[in-house]
Protein backbone atom coordinates (compact mmCIF):
# COMPACT_ATOMS: atom_id res chain seq x y z
CA MET A 1 -2.79 -29.55 -7.96
CA GLY A 2 -5.21 -27.90 -5.48
CA GLU A 3 -2.62 -27.85 -2.70
CA GLU A 4 -0.06 -26.30 -5.05
CA LYS A 5 -2.54 -23.60 -6.07
CA ASP A 6 -3.35 -22.86 -2.41
CA LEU A 7 0.35 -22.63 -1.60
CA LEU A 8 0.97 -20.26 -4.51
CA SER A 9 -1.99 -18.08 -3.51
CA SER A 10 -0.68 -17.91 0.05
CA LEU A 11 2.82 -16.95 -1.10
CA VAL A 12 1.50 -14.29 -3.49
CA LEU A 13 -0.63 -12.85 -0.68
CA GLU A 14 2.43 -12.73 1.59
CA LEU A 15 4.45 -11.00 -1.13
CA ARG A 16 1.71 -8.41 -1.78
CA ARG A 17 1.18 -7.70 1.92
CA GLY A 18 4.70 -6.38 2.21
CA THR A 19 4.17 -3.88 -0.60
CA LEU A 20 0.83 -2.41 0.47
CA VAL A 21 2.20 -0.01 3.08
CA LEU A 22 4.58 1.47 0.51
CA SER A 23 1.79 1.63 -2.10
CA VAL A 24 -0.68 3.34 0.23
CA LEU A 25 1.85 5.86 1.54
CA CYS A 26 2.83 6.74 -2.05
CA GLN A 27 -0.77 7.61 -2.88
CA LEU A 28 -1.50 9.81 0.12
CA GLY A 29 0.61 12.86 -0.58
CA GLU A 30 -2.76 14.48 -1.24
CA GLU A 31 -5.94 13.84 0.71
CA LYS A 32 -7.99 10.89 -0.47
CA TYR A 33 -10.87 8.96 1.01
CA GLY A 34 -10.87 5.17 1.04
CA TYR A 35 -12.83 4.41 -2.12
CA ALA A 36 -10.87 6.99 -4.14
CA LEU A 37 -7.65 5.42 -2.85
CA VAL A 38 -8.81 1.95 -3.95
CA GLN A 39 -9.62 3.32 -7.43
CA SER A 40 -6.34 5.23 -7.71
CA MET A 41 -4.31 2.17 -6.79
CA GLU A 42 -6.25 -0.10 -9.15
CA GLU A 43 -5.67 2.34 -12.03
CA LYS A 44 -1.96 1.91 -11.37
CA GLY A 45 -2.15 -1.89 -11.29
CA VAL A 46 -2.19 -2.40 -7.51
CA SER A 47 -5.46 -3.89 -6.33
CA ILE A 48 -6.41 -3.74 -2.68
CA ASP A 49 -9.51 -5.07 -1.02
CA PRO A 50 -11.36 -2.51 1.14
CA ASN A 51 -11.33 -5.07 3.98
CA THR A 52 -7.53 -4.87 3.84
CA LEU A 53 -7.29 -1.14 3.20
CA TYR A 54 -9.31 0.28 6.09
CA PRO A 55 -7.51 -1.60 8.88
CA LEU A 56 -4.21 -0.62 7.22
CA LEU A 57 -5.24 3.05 7.14
CA ARG A 58 -6.19 2.93 10.83
CA ARG A 59 -2.88 1.28 11.72
CA LEU A 60 -0.83 3.81 9.75
CA GLU A 61 -2.74 6.63 11.41
CA LYS A 62 -2.14 5.15 14.85
CA GLN A 63 1.58 4.92 13.99
CA GLY A 64 1.61 8.63 13.12
CA LEU A 65 2.24 8.14 9.40
CA LEU A 66 -1.21 9.36 8.33
CA GLU A 67 -3.70 11.88 9.61
CA SER A 68 -7.39 11.97 8.84
CA SER A 69 -10.25 14.42 8.75
CA TRP A 70 -13.97 14.07 8.16
CA GLU A 71 -15.74 15.86 5.32
CA THR A 72 -19.43 16.14 6.10
CA GLY A 73 -20.54 18.63 3.46
CA GLY A 74 -21.37 16.11 0.75
CA SER A 75 -24.18 13.60 0.37
CA LYS A 76 -22.49 11.32 2.89
CA PRO A 77 -19.62 11.84 5.34
CA ARG A 78 -16.19 10.79 4.12
CA LYS A 79 -12.98 10.31 6.04
CA TYR A 80 -9.98 11.69 4.17
CA TYR A 81 -6.42 10.52 4.80
CA ARG A 82 -3.10 12.23 4.12
CA ARG A 83 0.55 11.52 4.96
CA THR A 84 2.05 13.34 7.92
CA ARG A 85 5.54 14.82 7.93
CA GLN A 86 6.72 11.62 9.65
CA GLY A 87 4.91 9.64 6.95
CA ASP A 88 6.81 11.62 4.29
CA GLU A 89 10.12 10.78 5.96
CA ILE A 90 9.27 7.10 6.37
CA LEU A 91 8.09 6.92 2.75
CA GLN A 92 11.41 8.29 1.49
CA GLU A 93 13.32 5.65 3.44
CA LEU A 94 10.94 2.87 2.35
CA LYS A 95 11.39 3.93 -1.28
CA ARG A 96 15.16 3.82 -0.86
CA GLN A 97 14.95 0.36 0.72
CA TRP A 98 12.53 -0.83 -2.00
CA ARG A 99 14.84 0.27 -4.80
CA GLN A 100 17.81 -1.42 -3.16
CA MET A 101 15.92 -4.68 -2.56
CA SER A 102 14.30 -4.57 -5.99
CA ALA A 103 17.68 -4.23 -7.71
CA GLY A 104 19.01 -7.21 -5.74
CA ILE A 105 15.95 -9.32 -6.52
CA ASP A 106 16.17 -8.41 -10.21
CA THR A 107 19.78 -9.60 -10.22
CA LEU A 108 18.78 -12.89 -8.59
CA LEU A 109 15.91 -13.41 -11.02
CA LYS A 110 18.13 -12.76 -14.03
CA GLU A 111 20.73 -15.24 -12.74
CA ASP A 112 18.00 -17.87 -12.40
CA GLU A 113 16.90 -17.38 -16.01
CA VAL A 114 20.34 -18.28 -17.38
């Protein structure tokens, strides 16, 4: 039973990993800092660990999909992230791909339930 649970956890993690880029890009049409992004995603039912989020944000920024700026006027400095124009274009294509794949998967799942 323990091995089966470990396998399931691993497969769920793999499934989630593929959706996080899409989820993060969707939320960054407006500037947000990391903790606000975590909260926003959790409110919408997509949890993300900060240890996963921050490396992902850095990678997306390095790829040119996000840009960042520091806000130092508050009680502590915060780094804000926002999609770039390229990020907007990539997001639109990822959404199209997601909808196409999701429809296919839904069909497969319905066939399996019969």
